[in-house]
């Protein structure tokens, strides 16, 4: 299941970045849906990173307290 989520995230991220860079190169504005997907991916990445850092901190605090 994790592999599917990772593949889907990677495909969406590369599509958004490729579309945005193509629009910049051709001097066109981005469609609203592309901007929304970019913000969703950015928010998801930030939230996932924060949760993983919190999990690592809790694991480190638990390991330090047990020793």
C-alpha atoms as a PDB file:
ATOM      1  CA  UNK A   1       0.000   0.000   0.000  1.00  0.00           C
ATOM      2  CA  UNK A   2       2.862   2.366   0.799  1.00  0.00           C
ATOM      3  CA  UNK A   3       4.380   1.726  -2.634  1.00  0.00           C
ATOM      4  CA  UNK A   4       1.132   2.703  -4.343  1.00  0.00           C
ATOM      5  CA  UNK A   5       0.843   5.909  -2.310  1.00  0.00           C
ATOM      6  CA  UNK A   6       4.464   6.804  -3.038  1.00  0.00           C
ATOM      7  CA  UNK A   7       4.061   6.163  -6.750  1.00  0.00           C
ATOM      8  CA  UNK A   8       0.847   8.204  -6.897  1.00  0.00           C
ATOM      9  CA  UNK A   9       2.431  11.101  -5.003  1.00  0.00           C
ATOM     10  CA  UNK A  10       5.485  11.044  -7.253  1.00  0.00           C
ATOM     11  CA  UNK A  11       3.422  10.991 -10.434  1.00  0.00           C
ATOM     12  CA  UNK A  12       1.213  13.872  -9.258  1.00  0.00           C
ATOM     13  CA  UNK A  13       4.211  15.924  -8.137  1.00  0.00           C
ATOM     14  CA  UNK A  14       6.085  15.433 -11.404  1.00  0.00           C
ATOM     15  CA  UNK A  15       2.959  16.272 -13.411  1.00  0.00           C
ATOM     16  CA  UNK A  16       2.389  19.483 -11.450  1.00  0.00           C
ATOM     17  CA  UNK A  17       6.024  20.579 -11.729  1.00  0.00           C
ATOM     18  CA  UNK A  18       6.240  19.733 -15.448  1.00  0.00           C
ATOM     19  CA  UNK A  19       2.981  21.535 -16.206  1.00  0.00           C
ATOM     20  CA  UNK A  20       3.966  24.614 -14.229  1.00  0.00           C
ATOM     21  CA  UNK A  21       7.382  24.846 -15.857  1.00  0.00           C
ATOM     22  CA  UNK A  22       5.876  24.421 -19.310  1.00  0.00           C
ATOM     23  CA  UNK A  23       3.368  27.178 -18.616  1.00  0.00           C
ATOM     24  CA  UNK A  24       6.183  29.461 -17.412  1.00  0.00           C
ATOM     25  CA  UNK A  25       8.237  28.717 -20.529  1.00  0.00           C
ATOM     26  CA  UNK A  26       5.288  29.482 -22.809  1.00  0.00           C
ATOM     27  CA  UNK A  27       4.358  32.577 -20.753  1.00  0.00           C
ATOM     28  CA  UNK A  28       0.891  31.273 -19.900  1.00  0.00           C
ATOM     29  CA  UNK A  29      -0.929  31.444 -16.603  1.00  0.00           C
ATOM     30  CA  UNK A  30      -1.489  28.269 -14.632  1.00  0.00           C
ATOM     31  CA  UNK A  31      -5.026  26.874 -14.492  1.00  0.00           C
ATOM     32  CA  UNK A  32      -6.665  27.122 -11.084  1.00  0.00           C
ATOM     33  CA  UNK A  33      -6.811  23.342 -10.642  1.00  0.00           C
ATOM     34  CA  UNK A  34      -3.042  23.098 -11.151  1.00  0.00           C
ATOM     35  CA  UNK A  35      -2.458  25.742  -8.489  1.00  0.00           C
ATOM     36  CA  UNK A  36      -4.808  23.947  -6.096  1.00  0.00           C
ATOM     37  CA  UNK A  37      -3.050  20.609  -6.620  1.00  0.00           C
ATOM     38  CA  UNK A  38       0.317  22.289  -6.064  1.00  0.00           C
ATOM     39  CA  UNK A  39      -0.854  23.732  -2.730  1.00  0.00           C
ATOM     40  CA  UNK A  40      -2.365  20.392  -1.689  1.00  0.00           C
ATOM     41  CA  UNK A  41       0.882  18.566  -2.456  1.00  0.00           C
ATOM     42  CA  UNK A  42       2.910  21.214  -0.623  1.00  0.00           C
ATOM     43  CA  UNK A  43       0.627  21.013   2.428  1.00  0.00           C
ATOM     44  CA  UNK A  44       0.688  17.219   2.405  1.00  0.00           C
ATOM     45  CA  UNK A  45       4.486  17.178   2.225  1.00  0.00           C
ATOM     46  CA  UNK A  46       4.821  19.635   5.091  1.00  0.00           C
ATOM     47  CA  UNK A  47       2.319  17.831   7.296  1.00  0.00           C
ATOM     48  CA  UNK A  48       3.904  14.446   6.622  1.00  0.00           C
ATOM     49  CA  UNK A  49       7.361  15.804   7.371  1.00  0.00           C
ATOM     50  CA  UNK A  50       6.189  17.357  10.633  1.00  0.00           C
ATOM     51  CA  UNK A  51       4.480  14.138  11.711  1.00  0.00           C
ATOM     52  CA  UNK A  52       7.562  12.058  10.912  1.00  0.00           C
ATOM     53  CA  UNK A  53       9.797  14.446  12.850  1.00  0.00           C
ATOM     54  CA  UNK A  54       7.414  14.286  15.810  1.00  0.00           C
ATOM     55  CA  UNK A  55       7.358  10.504  15.656  1.00  0.00           C
ATOM     56  CA  UNK A  56      11.161  10.362  15.562  1.00  0.00           C
ATOM     57  CA  UNK A  57      11.373  12.766  18.517  1.00  0.00           C
ATOM     58  CA  UNK A  58       8.926  10.675  20.545  1.00  0.00           C
ATOM     59  CA  UNK A  59      10.845   7.490  19.733  1.00  0.00           C
ATOM     60  CA  UNK A  60      14.134   9.127  20.706  1.00  0.00           C
ATOM     61  CA  UNK A  61      12.653  10.439  23.974  1.00  0.00           C
ATOM     62  CA  UNK A  62      11.223   7.023  24.777  1.00  0.00           C
ATOM     63  CA  UNK A  63      14.513   5.302  24.058  1.00  0.00           C
ATOM     64  CA  UNK A  64      16.435   7.805  26.175  1.00  0.00           C
ATOM     65  CA  UNK A  65      13.991   7.400  29.081  1.00  0.00           C
ATOM     66  CA  UNK A  66      14.211   3.591  29.021  1.00  0.00           C
ATOM     67  CA  UNK A  67      18.002   3.507  29.222  1.00  0.00           C
END
